[in-house]
């Protein structure tokens, strides 16, 4: 990636970078909240992905991955950081570090994944979306956990879940009426 330090981005470049980061963060949210529509909205219809075991159309991947995650994990949390974006007109390259925690069904173990997303995005009709994603694995580990969600310290706290079981949909409904 080209080093752009020392140059000030113009307003258009700043807006493009923000829109790209929004797509990348929305993808994480789509995975973690099991939101197929949101995940699909991150990809152009002709987009491709390379997740190792699955290489092919992104829209097919989006339809397959959420049920697969739900069958294996109670919850997932995909967090991205160190996002570097290289703008190339209507195309952009992005590298993002990803740390993903996966709580296995039964909450007795957690799989932690560290890697990177190498993304190509295109701006079409004024919108940025992914046209290709390659996942690079840097490390992974699994370890036993003690589920403390119902312990005295956390029993009254709202709990995350998939779909309507998560507090997010109600929160978004409440805030959209304000």
N, C-alpha and C. Protein backbone atom coordinates (compact mmCIF):
# COMPACT_ATOMS: atom_id res chain seq x y z
N UNK A 1 0.85 -1.17 0.00
CA UNK A 1 0.00 0.00 0.00
C UNK A 1 0.89 1.24 0.00
N UNK A 2 0.48 2.21 -0.71
CA UNK A 2 1.24 3.44 -0.81
C UNK A 2 1.10 4.23 0.48
N UNK A 3 2.19 4.75 0.96
CA UNK A 3 2.18 5.58 2.16
C UNK A 3 1.69 6.97 1.79
N UNK A 4 0.59 7.39 2.41
CA UNK A 4 0.04 8.71 2.12
C UNK A 4 0.29 9.68 3.26
N UNK A 5 1.14 9.29 4.21
CA UNK A 5 1.45 10.20 5.31
C UNK A 5 2.12 11.45 4.75
N UNK A 6 1.80 12.55 5.33
CA UNK A 6 2.37 13.80 4.88
C UNK A 6 1.52 14.53 3.86
N UNK A 7 0.51 13.88 3.34
CA UNK A 7 -0.40 14.53 2.41
C UNK A 7 -1.76 14.65 3.08
N UNK A 8 -2.38 15.77 2.91
CA UNK A 8 -3.70 15.98 3.49
C UNK A 8 -4.77 15.56 2.50
N UNK A 9 -5.68 14.68 2.93
CA UNK A 9 -6.74 14.27 2.00
C UNK A 9 -7.75 15.41 1.81
N UNK A 10 -8.31 15.47 0.63
CA UNK A 10 -9.35 16.46 0.40
C UNK A 10 -10.68 15.94 0.95
N UNK A 11 -11.71 16.76 0.91
CA UNK A 11 -13.00 16.37 1.48
C UNK A 11 -13.59 15.14 0.79
N UNK A 12 -13.42 15.04 -0.50
CA UNK A 12 -13.93 13.88 -1.24
C UNK A 12 -13.25 12.61 -0.75
N UNK A 13 -11.93 12.66 -0.63
CA UNK A 13 -11.18 11.48 -0.16
C UNK A 13 -11.60 11.11 1.26
N UNK A 14 -11.80 12.10 2.11
CA UNK A 14 -12.24 11.82 3.48
C UNK A 14 -13.62 11.19 3.48
N UNK A 15 -14.52 11.68 2.66
CA UNK A 15 -15.86 11.12 2.56
C UNK A 15 -15.81 9.68 2.02
N UNK A 16 -14.97 9.44 1.03
CA UNK A 16 -14.82 8.10 0.47
C UNK A 16 -14.28 7.13 1.53
N UNK A 17 -13.27 7.56 2.26
CA UNK A 17 -12.70 6.70 3.31
C UNK A 17 -13.74 6.38 4.38
N UNK A 18 -14.50 7.36 4.77
CA UNK A 18 -15.54 7.14 5.78
C UNK A 18 -16.59 6.16 5.25
N UNK A 19 -17.00 6.31 4.02
CA UNK A 19 -18.00 5.41 3.43
C UNK A 19 -17.46 3.98 3.34
N UNK A 20 -16.20 3.84 3.00
CA UNK A 20 -15.57 2.52 2.92
C UNK A 20 -15.51 1.88 4.31
N UNK A 21 -15.08 2.65 5.30
CA UNK A 21 -15.04 2.12 6.66
C UNK A 21 -16.43 1.71 7.14
N UNK A 22 -17.45 2.45 6.74
CA UNK A 22 -18.82 2.10 7.11
C UNK A 22 -19.21 0.74 6.51
N UNK A 23 -18.82 0.48 5.27
CA UNK A 23 -19.09 -0.82 4.66
C UNK A 23 -18.38 -1.93 5.44
N UNK A 24 -17.12 -1.71 5.78
CA UNK A 24 -16.35 -2.73 6.49
C UNK A 24 -16.93 -3.02 7.87
N UNK A 25 -17.34 -1.96 8.58
CA UNK A 25 -17.95 -2.16 9.90
C UNK A 25 -19.33 -2.80 9.78
N UNK A 26 -20.08 -2.42 8.76
CA UNK A 26 -21.41 -3.02 8.55
C UNK A 26 -21.29 -4.52 8.27
N UNK A 27 -20.26 -4.92 7.56
CA UNK A 27 -20.03 -6.34 7.30
C UNK A 27 -19.86 -7.09 8.63
N UNK A 28 -19.06 -6.53 9.53
CA UNK A 28 -18.88 -7.15 10.85
C UNK A 28 -20.22 -7.25 11.58
N UNK A 29 -20.99 -6.19 11.55
CA UNK A 29 -22.28 -6.19 12.22
C UNK A 29 -23.22 -7.23 11.59
N UNK A 30 -23.22 -7.33 10.27
CA UNK A 30 -24.05 -8.32 9.60
C UNK A 30 -23.73 -9.73 10.06
N UNK A 31 -22.44 -10.05 10.17
CA UNK A 31 -22.03 -11.37 10.66
C UNK A 31 -22.49 -11.58 12.10
N UNK A 32 -22.20 -10.63 12.95
CA UNK A 32 -22.44 -10.80 14.39
C UNK A 32 -23.91 -10.74 14.78
N UNK A 33 -24.71 -10.00 14.06
CA UNK A 33 -26.13 -9.90 14.37
C UNK A 33 -26.96 -10.85 13.51
N UNK A 34 -26.29 -11.66 12.70
CA UNK A 34 -26.97 -12.62 11.82
C UNK A 34 -27.97 -11.91 10.92
N UNK A 35 -27.53 -10.83 10.31
CA UNK A 35 -28.38 -9.98 9.48
C UNK A 35 -28.00 -10.18 8.01
N UNK A 36 -28.72 -11.08 7.35
CA UNK A 36 -28.41 -11.42 5.96
C UNK A 36 -28.53 -10.20 5.04
N UNK A 37 -29.59 -9.41 5.23
CA UNK A 37 -29.80 -8.25 4.36
C UNK A 37 -28.64 -7.26 4.49
N UNK A 38 -28.17 -7.04 5.70
CA UNK A 38 -27.05 -6.12 5.90
C UNK A 38 -25.78 -6.68 5.27
N UNK A 39 -25.54 -7.95 5.44
CA UNK A 39 -24.35 -8.57 4.86
C UNK A 39 -24.39 -8.48 3.33
N UNK A 40 -25.53 -8.79 2.73
CA UNK A 40 -25.67 -8.71 1.28
C UNK A 40 -25.46 -7.28 0.78
N UNK A 41 -25.91 -6.30 1.56
CA UNK A 41 -25.79 -4.89 1.16
C UNK A 41 -24.34 -4.41 1.11
N UNK A 42 -23.44 -5.16 1.70
CA UNK A 42 -22.02 -4.78 1.69
C UNK A 42 -21.31 -5.17 0.40
N UNK A 43 -21.94 -6.05 -0.40
CA UNK A 43 -21.31 -6.59 -1.61
C UNK A 43 -22.08 -6.18 -2.86
N UNK A 44 -21.34 -5.89 -3.93
CA UNK A 44 -21.96 -5.75 -5.24
C UNK A 44 -22.40 -7.14 -5.69
N UNK A 45 -23.43 -7.26 -6.52
CA UNK A 45 -23.93 -8.58 -6.94
C UNK A 45 -22.88 -9.48 -7.59
N UNK A 46 -21.87 -8.89 -8.23
CA UNK A 46 -20.83 -9.68 -8.90
C UNK A 46 -19.60 -9.92 -8.03
N UNK A 47 -19.69 -9.59 -6.74
CA UNK A 47 -18.54 -9.71 -5.83
C UNK A 47 -18.17 -11.17 -5.58
N UNK A 48 -16.90 -11.37 -5.29
CA UNK A 48 -16.35 -12.69 -4.97
C UNK A 48 -15.65 -12.60 -3.61
N UNK A 49 -15.60 -13.76 -2.92
CA UNK A 49 -14.87 -13.84 -1.65
C UNK A 49 -13.96 -15.05 -1.66
N UNK A 50 -12.91 -14.96 -0.85
CA UNK A 50 -11.98 -16.07 -0.63
C UNK A 50 -11.82 -16.22 0.88
N UNK A 51 -12.60 -17.13 1.44
CA UNK A 51 -12.53 -17.45 2.87
C UNK A 51 -11.81 -18.78 3.08
N UNK A 52 -10.98 -19.16 2.15
CA UNK A 52 -10.26 -20.43 2.27
C UNK A 52 -11.13 -21.59 1.86
N UNK A 53 -11.95 -22.10 2.78
CA UNK A 53 -12.82 -23.24 2.49
C UNK A 53 -13.92 -22.87 1.50
N UNK A 54 -14.23 -21.59 1.42
CA UNK A 54 -15.22 -21.13 0.44
C UNK A 54 -14.59 -20.05 -0.42
N UNK A 55 -14.59 -20.29 -1.71
CA UNK A 55 -14.14 -19.30 -2.70
C UNK A 55 -15.21 -19.23 -3.76
N UNK A 56 -15.81 -18.03 -3.92
CA UNK A 56 -16.85 -17.92 -4.92
C UNK A 56 -17.68 -16.68 -4.73
N UNK A 57 -18.91 -16.69 -5.26
CA UNK A 57 -19.77 -15.51 -5.21
C UNK A 57 -20.07 -15.08 -3.77
N UNK A 58 -19.92 -13.80 -3.53
CA UNK A 58 -20.13 -13.25 -2.18
C UNK A 58 -21.58 -13.39 -1.73
N UNK A 59 -22.53 -13.21 -2.65
CA UNK A 59 -23.93 -13.31 -2.25
C UNK A 59 -24.29 -14.73 -1.83
N UNK A 60 -23.74 -15.72 -2.48
CA UNK A 60 -23.95 -17.11 -2.06
C UNK A 60 -23.31 -17.35 -0.71
N UNK A 61 -22.12 -16.80 -0.52
CA UNK A 61 -21.44 -16.92 0.77
C UNK A 61 -22.29 -16.33 1.89
N UNK A 62 -22.84 -15.15 1.65
CA UNK A 62 -23.65 -14.49 2.68
C UNK A 62 -24.85 -15.34 3.07
N UNK A 63 -25.43 -16.04 2.11
CA UNK A 63 -26.58 -16.90 2.39
C UNK A 63 -26.16 -18.15 3.16
N UNK A 64 -24.92 -18.62 2.97
CA UNK A 64 -24.43 -19.85 3.61
C UNK A 64 -23.80 -19.61 4.98
N UNK A 65 -23.07 -18.51 5.13
CA UNK A 65 -22.25 -18.34 6.32
C UNK A 65 -23.07 -18.11 7.58
N UNK A 66 -24.15 -17.37 7.50
CA UNK A 66 -24.90 -17.07 8.72
C UNK A 66 -25.52 -18.32 9.34
N UNK A 67 -26.19 -19.19 8.57
CA UNK A 67 -26.67 -20.43 9.18
C UNK A 67 -25.51 -21.29 9.73
N UNK A 68 -24.39 -21.32 9.03
CA UNK A 68 -23.24 -22.10 9.49
C UNK A 68 -22.71 -21.56 10.83
N UNK A 69 -22.62 -20.24 10.95
CA UNK A 69 -22.18 -19.64 12.21
C UNK A 69 -23.17 -19.96 13.33
N UNK A 70 -24.47 -19.84 13.04
CA UNK A 70 -25.50 -20.08 14.06
C UNK A 70 -25.51 -21.53 14.52
N UNK A 71 -25.14 -22.46 13.66
CA UNK A 71 -25.12 -23.88 14.03
C UNK A 71 -23.92 -24.24 14.90
N UNK A 72 -22.90 -23.38 14.90
CA UNK A 72 -21.67 -23.69 15.61
C UNK A 72 -21.42 -22.79 16.81
N UNK A 73 -21.89 -21.53 16.72
CA UNK A 73 -21.54 -20.55 17.75
C UNK A 73 -22.78 -19.88 18.32
N UNK A 74 -22.74 -19.62 19.63
CA UNK A 74 -23.80 -18.84 20.26
C UNK A 74 -23.70 -17.38 19.86
N UNK A 75 -22.48 -16.90 19.83
CA UNK A 75 -22.23 -15.49 19.49
C UNK A 75 -20.89 -15.38 18.77
N UNK A 76 -20.78 -14.36 17.94
CA UNK A 76 -19.50 -14.01 17.34
C UNK A 76 -19.30 -12.51 17.51
N UNK A 77 -18.05 -12.11 17.51
CA UNK A 77 -17.73 -10.69 17.59
C UNK A 77 -16.53 -10.43 16.69
N UNK A 78 -16.77 -9.75 15.58
CA UNK A 78 -15.73 -9.41 14.62
C UNK A 78 -15.36 -7.94 14.83
N UNK A 79 -14.13 -7.70 15.19
CA UNK A 79 -13.64 -6.33 15.43
C UNK A 79 -12.51 -6.05 14.45
N UNK A 80 -12.61 -4.93 13.73
CA UNK A 80 -11.56 -4.57 12.79
C UNK A 80 -10.84 -3.32 13.28
N UNK A 81 -9.56 -3.26 12.92
CA UNK A 81 -8.73 -2.11 13.31
C UNK A 81 -7.62 -1.97 12.28
N UNK A 82 -6.77 -0.98 12.49
CA UNK A 82 -5.64 -0.72 11.60
C UNK A 82 -6.07 -0.74 10.14
N UNK A 83 -7.15 -0.04 9.86
CA UNK A 83 -7.70 0.00 8.50
C UNK A 83 -6.87 0.96 7.66
N UNK A 84 -6.26 0.42 6.63
CA UNK A 84 -5.51 1.24 5.67
C UNK A 84 -6.23 1.18 4.34
N UNK A 85 -6.50 2.34 3.78
CA UNK A 85 -7.26 2.42 2.53
C UNK A 85 -6.44 3.17 1.50
N UNK A 86 -6.33 2.58 0.32
CA UNK A 86 -5.67 3.24 -0.80
C UNK A 86 -6.74 3.50 -1.86
N UNK A 87 -7.04 4.76 -2.08
CA UNK A 87 -8.04 5.16 -3.07
C UNK A 87 -7.40 5.19 -4.46
N UNK A 88 -8.12 4.61 -5.42
CA UNK A 88 -7.67 4.59 -6.81
C UNK A 88 -8.84 4.97 -7.70
N UNK A 89 -9.29 6.20 -7.57
CA UNK A 89 -10.44 6.65 -8.34
C UNK A 89 -11.71 6.02 -7.82
N UNK A 90 -12.38 5.26 -8.67
CA UNK A 90 -13.63 4.59 -8.29
C UNK A 90 -13.38 3.21 -7.68
N UNK A 91 -12.13 2.91 -7.43
CA UNK A 91 -11.72 1.64 -6.82
C UNK A 91 -10.89 1.94 -5.59
N UNK A 92 -10.92 1.03 -4.63
CA UNK A 92 -10.12 1.20 -3.42
C UNK A 92 -9.63 -0.16 -2.95
N UNK A 93 -8.44 -0.15 -2.37
CA UNK A 93 -7.89 -1.33 -1.72
C UNK A 93 -7.86 -1.04 -0.22
N UNK A 94 -8.24 -2.02 0.57
CA UNK A 94 -8.25 -1.84 2.02
C UNK A 94 -7.68 -3.07 2.70
N UNK A 95 -6.83 -2.83 3.68
CA UNK A 95 -6.36 -3.89 4.56
C UNK A 95 -6.86 -3.56 5.96
N UNK A 96 -7.51 -4.53 6.59
CA UNK A 96 -8.04 -4.35 7.95
C UNK A 96 -7.58 -5.53 8.79
N UNK A 97 -7.12 -5.24 9.99
CA UNK A 97 -6.85 -6.32 10.93
C UNK A 97 -8.19 -6.75 11.51
N UNK A 98 -8.38 -8.06 11.68
CA UNK A 98 -9.62 -8.57 12.28
C UNK A 98 -9.26 -9.47 13.46
N UNK A 99 -9.94 -9.24 14.55
CA UNK A 99 -9.91 -10.13 15.70
C UNK A 99 -11.35 -10.58 15.90
N UNK A 100 -11.57 -11.88 15.84
CA UNK A 100 -12.93 -12.40 15.94
C UNK A 100 -13.01 -13.43 17.05
N UNK A 101 -13.92 -13.18 17.98
CA UNK A 101 -14.20 -14.13 19.04
C UNK A 101 -15.46 -14.90 18.70
N UNK A 102 -15.41 -16.21 18.88
CA UNK A 102 -16.54 -17.08 18.57
C UNK A 102 -16.84 -17.93 19.81
N UNK A 103 -17.97 -17.70 20.45
CA UNK A 103 -18.39 -18.48 21.61
C UNK A 103 -19.12 -19.72 21.13
N UNK A 104 -18.54 -20.89 21.35
CA UNK A 104 -19.13 -22.13 20.87
C UNK A 104 -20.45 -22.41 21.57
N UNK A 105 -21.31 -23.18 20.91
CA UNK A 105 -22.58 -23.56 21.50
C UNK A 105 -22.32 -24.24 22.84
N UNK A 106 -23.13 -23.90 23.83
CA UNK A 106 -22.93 -24.40 25.18
C UNK A 106 -22.04 -23.51 26.02
N UNK A 107 -21.37 -22.55 25.40
CA UNK A 107 -20.54 -21.55 26.06
C UNK A 107 -19.45 -22.14 26.94
N UNK A 108 -18.90 -23.27 26.53
CA UNK A 108 -17.81 -23.89 27.29
C UNK A 108 -16.44 -23.61 26.68
N UNK A 109 -16.43 -23.09 25.46
CA UNK A 109 -15.17 -22.80 24.78
C UNK A 109 -15.34 -21.61 23.86
N UNK A 110 -14.21 -20.97 23.58
CA UNK A 110 -14.19 -19.82 22.67
C UNK A 110 -13.06 -20.04 21.68
N UNK A 111 -13.36 -19.73 20.41
CA UNK A 111 -12.34 -19.75 19.38
C UNK A 111 -12.02 -18.30 19.06
N UNK A 112 -10.75 -17.95 19.14
CA UNK A 112 -10.28 -16.61 18.81
C UNK A 112 -9.48 -16.67 17.53
N UNK A 113 -9.79 -15.76 16.63
CA UNK A 113 -9.15 -15.71 15.32
C UNK A 113 -8.52 -14.34 15.16
N UNK A 114 -7.30 -14.32 14.71
CA UNK A 114 -6.63 -13.07 14.37
C UNK A 114 -6.18 -13.14 12.93
N UNK A 115 -6.52 -12.13 12.16
CA UNK A 115 -6.13 -12.15 10.76
C UNK A 115 -6.33 -10.79 10.13
N UNK A 116 -6.45 -10.81 8.81
CA UNK A 116 -6.64 -9.57 8.06
C UNK A 116 -7.63 -9.80 6.94
N UNK A 117 -8.32 -8.75 6.59
CA UNK A 117 -9.17 -8.72 5.41
C UNK A 117 -8.44 -7.89 4.36
N UNK A 118 -8.27 -8.46 3.19
CA UNK A 118 -7.73 -7.74 2.04
C UNK A 118 -8.91 -7.52 1.09
N UNK A 119 -9.38 -6.30 1.04
CA UNK A 119 -10.62 -5.97 0.33
C UNK A 119 -10.38 -5.07 -0.86
N UNK A 120 -11.12 -5.34 -1.92
CA UNK A 120 -11.22 -4.44 -3.06
C UNK A 120 -12.65 -3.94 -3.08
N UNK A 121 -12.81 -2.64 -3.15
CA UNK A 121 -14.13 -2.03 -3.19
C UNK A 121 -14.25 -1.18 -4.43
N UNK A 122 -15.48 -1.02 -4.90
CA UNK A 122 -15.74 -0.12 -6.03
C UNK A 122 -16.88 0.81 -5.67
N UNK A 123 -16.76 2.01 -6.21
CA UNK A 123 -17.84 2.98 -6.08
C UNK A 123 -18.63 2.96 -7.38
N UNK A 124 -19.90 2.64 -7.25
CA UNK A 124 -20.81 2.62 -8.39
C UNK A 124 -22.05 3.41 -7.99
N UNK A 125 -22.50 4.24 -8.88
CA UNK A 125 -23.70 5.04 -8.62
C UNK A 125 -23.61 5.77 -7.27
N UNK A 126 -22.39 6.21 -6.95
CA UNK A 126 -22.18 6.99 -5.73
C UNK A 126 -22.08 6.18 -4.45
N UNK A 127 -22.05 4.84 -4.53
CA UNK A 127 -21.99 3.99 -3.33
C UNK A 127 -20.79 3.08 -3.39
N UNK A 128 -20.13 2.91 -2.25
CA UNK A 128 -19.01 1.98 -2.14
C UNK A 128 -19.51 0.64 -1.64
N UNK A 129 -19.04 -0.44 -2.27
CA UNK A 129 -19.32 -1.80 -1.82
C UNK A 129 -18.13 -2.69 -2.16
N UNK A 130 -18.08 -3.83 -1.51
CA UNK A 130 -17.03 -4.80 -1.75
C UNK A 130 -17.21 -5.50 -3.10
N UNK A 131 -16.11 -5.70 -3.82
CA UNK A 131 -16.12 -6.53 -5.03
C UNK A 131 -15.26 -7.78 -4.83
N UNK A 132 -14.37 -7.73 -3.84
CA UNK A 132 -13.58 -8.92 -3.52
C UNK A 132 -13.07 -8.81 -2.09
N UNK A 133 -13.12 -9.95 -1.39
CA UNK A 133 -12.54 -10.04 -0.05
C UNK A 133 -11.73 -11.32 0.03
N UNK A 134 -10.49 -11.18 0.52
CA UNK A 134 -9.66 -12.33 0.85
C UNK A 134 -9.38 -12.26 2.34
N UNK A 135 -9.60 -13.38 3.04
CA UNK A 135 -9.30 -13.45 4.46
C UNK A 135 -7.93 -14.10 4.62
N UNK A 136 -7.07 -13.45 5.39
CA UNK A 136 -5.74 -13.95 5.68
C UNK A 136 -5.70 -14.33 7.16
N UNK A 137 -5.33 -15.56 7.44
CA UNK A 137 -5.24 -16.02 8.82
C UNK A 137 -3.84 -15.77 9.34
N UNK A 138 -3.75 -15.05 10.45
CA UNK A 138 -2.47 -14.84 11.11
C UNK A 138 -2.31 -15.82 12.28
N UNK A 139 -3.38 -16.06 13.04
CA UNK A 139 -3.36 -17.02 14.14
C UNK A 139 -4.78 -17.38 14.54
N UNK A 140 -4.91 -18.47 15.26
CA UNK A 140 -6.19 -18.90 15.81
C UNK A 140 -5.91 -19.78 17.01
N UNK A 141 -6.80 -19.71 17.98
CA UNK A 141 -6.66 -20.60 19.13
C UNK A 141 -8.04 -20.83 19.73
N UNK A 142 -8.16 -21.91 20.44
CA UNK A 142 -9.42 -22.22 21.14
C UNK A 142 -9.07 -22.52 22.58
N UNK A 143 -9.91 -22.04 23.48
CA UNK A 143 -9.67 -22.31 24.89
C UNK A 143 -11.00 -22.44 25.64
N UNK A 144 -10.94 -23.12 26.77
CA UNK A 144 -12.12 -23.29 27.61
C UNK A 144 -12.46 -21.96 28.27
N UNK A 145 -13.75 -21.75 28.49
CA UNK A 145 -14.20 -20.53 29.16
C UNK A 145 -15.18 -20.89 30.27
N UNK A 146 -15.30 -19.97 31.21
CA UNK A 146 -16.34 -20.04 32.23
C UNK A 146 -17.36 -18.98 31.87
N UNK A 147 -18.57 -19.41 31.54
CA UNK A 147 -19.63 -18.49 31.14
C UNK A 147 -20.15 -17.77 32.37
N UNK A 148 -19.95 -16.46 32.41
CA UNK A 148 -20.35 -15.66 33.57
C UNK A 148 -21.55 -14.76 33.28
N UNK A 149 -22.23 -15.00 32.17
CA UNK A 149 -23.33 -14.12 31.80
C UNK A 149 -24.44 -14.07 32.84
N UNK A 150 -24.64 -15.14 33.57
CA UNK A 150 -25.70 -15.16 34.59
C UNK A 150 -25.16 -15.07 36.01
N UNK A 151 -23.89 -14.69 36.16
CA UNK A 151 -23.33 -14.52 37.50
C UNK A 151 -23.92 -13.28 38.15
N UNK A 152 -23.77 -13.16 39.45
CA UNK A 152 -24.33 -12.02 40.19
C UNK A 152 -23.93 -10.68 39.59
N UNK A 153 -22.70 -10.58 39.12
CA UNK A 153 -22.22 -9.31 38.59
C UNK A 153 -22.91 -8.92 37.28
N UNK A 154 -23.42 -9.90 36.53
CA UNK A 154 -23.94 -9.61 35.20
C UNK A 154 -25.39 -10.03 34.97
N UNK A 155 -26.04 -10.60 35.97
CA UNK A 155 -27.37 -11.17 35.76
C UNK A 155 -28.39 -10.15 35.25
N UNK A 156 -28.31 -8.92 35.71
CA UNK A 156 -29.29 -7.90 35.32
C UNK A 156 -28.94 -7.18 34.01
N UNK A 157 -27.77 -7.46 33.47
CA UNK A 157 -27.32 -6.77 32.26
C UNK A 157 -27.99 -7.35 31.03
N UNK A 158 -28.31 -6.51 30.05
CA UNK A 158 -28.85 -6.98 28.78
C UNK A 158 -27.83 -7.92 28.14
N UNK A 159 -28.34 -8.95 27.46
CA UNK A 159 -27.46 -9.95 26.85
C UNK A 159 -27.58 -9.90 25.33
N UNK A 160 -26.45 -10.08 24.67
CA UNK A 160 -26.42 -10.12 23.22
C UNK A 160 -26.95 -11.43 22.69
N UNK A 161 -27.42 -11.40 21.47
CA UNK A 161 -27.93 -12.59 20.81
C UNK A 161 -28.09 -12.31 19.34
N UNK A 162 -28.67 -13.25 18.63
CA UNK A 162 -28.89 -13.09 17.19
C UNK A 162 -30.30 -12.57 16.94
N UNK A 163 -30.45 -11.77 15.90
CA UNK A 163 -31.77 -11.30 15.46
C UNK A 163 -32.51 -10.53 16.54
N UNK A 164 -33.79 -10.84 16.67
CA UNK A 164 -34.66 -10.12 17.60
C UNK A 164 -34.29 -10.37 19.06
N UNK A 165 -33.51 -11.41 19.34
CA UNK A 165 -33.08 -11.69 20.71
C UNK A 165 -32.04 -10.72 21.23
N UNK A 166 -31.48 -9.93 20.35
CA UNK A 166 -30.48 -8.94 20.73
C UNK A 166 -31.17 -7.61 21.04
N UNK A 167 -30.65 -6.81 21.96
CA UNK A 167 -31.25 -5.51 22.26
C UNK A 167 -31.19 -4.49 21.11
N UNK A 168 -30.35 -4.71 20.10
CA UNK A 168 -30.17 -3.73 19.02
C UNK A 168 -31.45 -3.42 18.25
N UNK A 169 -32.22 -4.41 17.78
CA UNK A 169 -33.42 -4.06 17.01
C UNK A 169 -34.39 -3.14 17.79
N UNK A 170 -34.61 -3.42 19.06
CA UNK A 170 -35.49 -2.56 19.86
C UNK A 170 -34.88 -1.17 20.01
N UNK A 171 -33.57 -1.11 20.20
CA UNK A 171 -32.89 0.17 20.33
C UNK A 171 -33.04 0.99 19.05
N UNK A 172 -32.86 0.36 17.91
CA UNK A 172 -32.98 1.07 16.64
C UNK A 172 -34.41 1.53 16.40
N UNK A 173 -35.39 0.74 16.79
CA UNK A 173 -36.79 1.14 16.66
C UNK A 173 -37.08 2.35 17.54
N UNK A 174 -36.59 2.33 18.75
CA UNK A 174 -36.80 3.43 19.70
C UNK A 174 -36.17 4.71 19.16
N UNK A 175 -34.93 4.63 18.73
CA UNK A 175 -34.23 5.83 18.29
C UNK A 175 -34.73 6.34 16.95
N UNK A 176 -35.32 5.48 16.12
CA UNK A 176 -35.82 5.95 14.83
C UNK A 176 -37.11 6.76 14.99
N UNK A 177 -37.77 6.65 16.13
CA UNK A 177 -39.01 7.39 16.37
C UNK A 177 -38.77 8.75 16.99
N UNK A 178 -37.53 9.01 17.39
CA UNK A 178 -37.23 10.30 18.04
C UNK A 178 -37.09 11.41 17.03
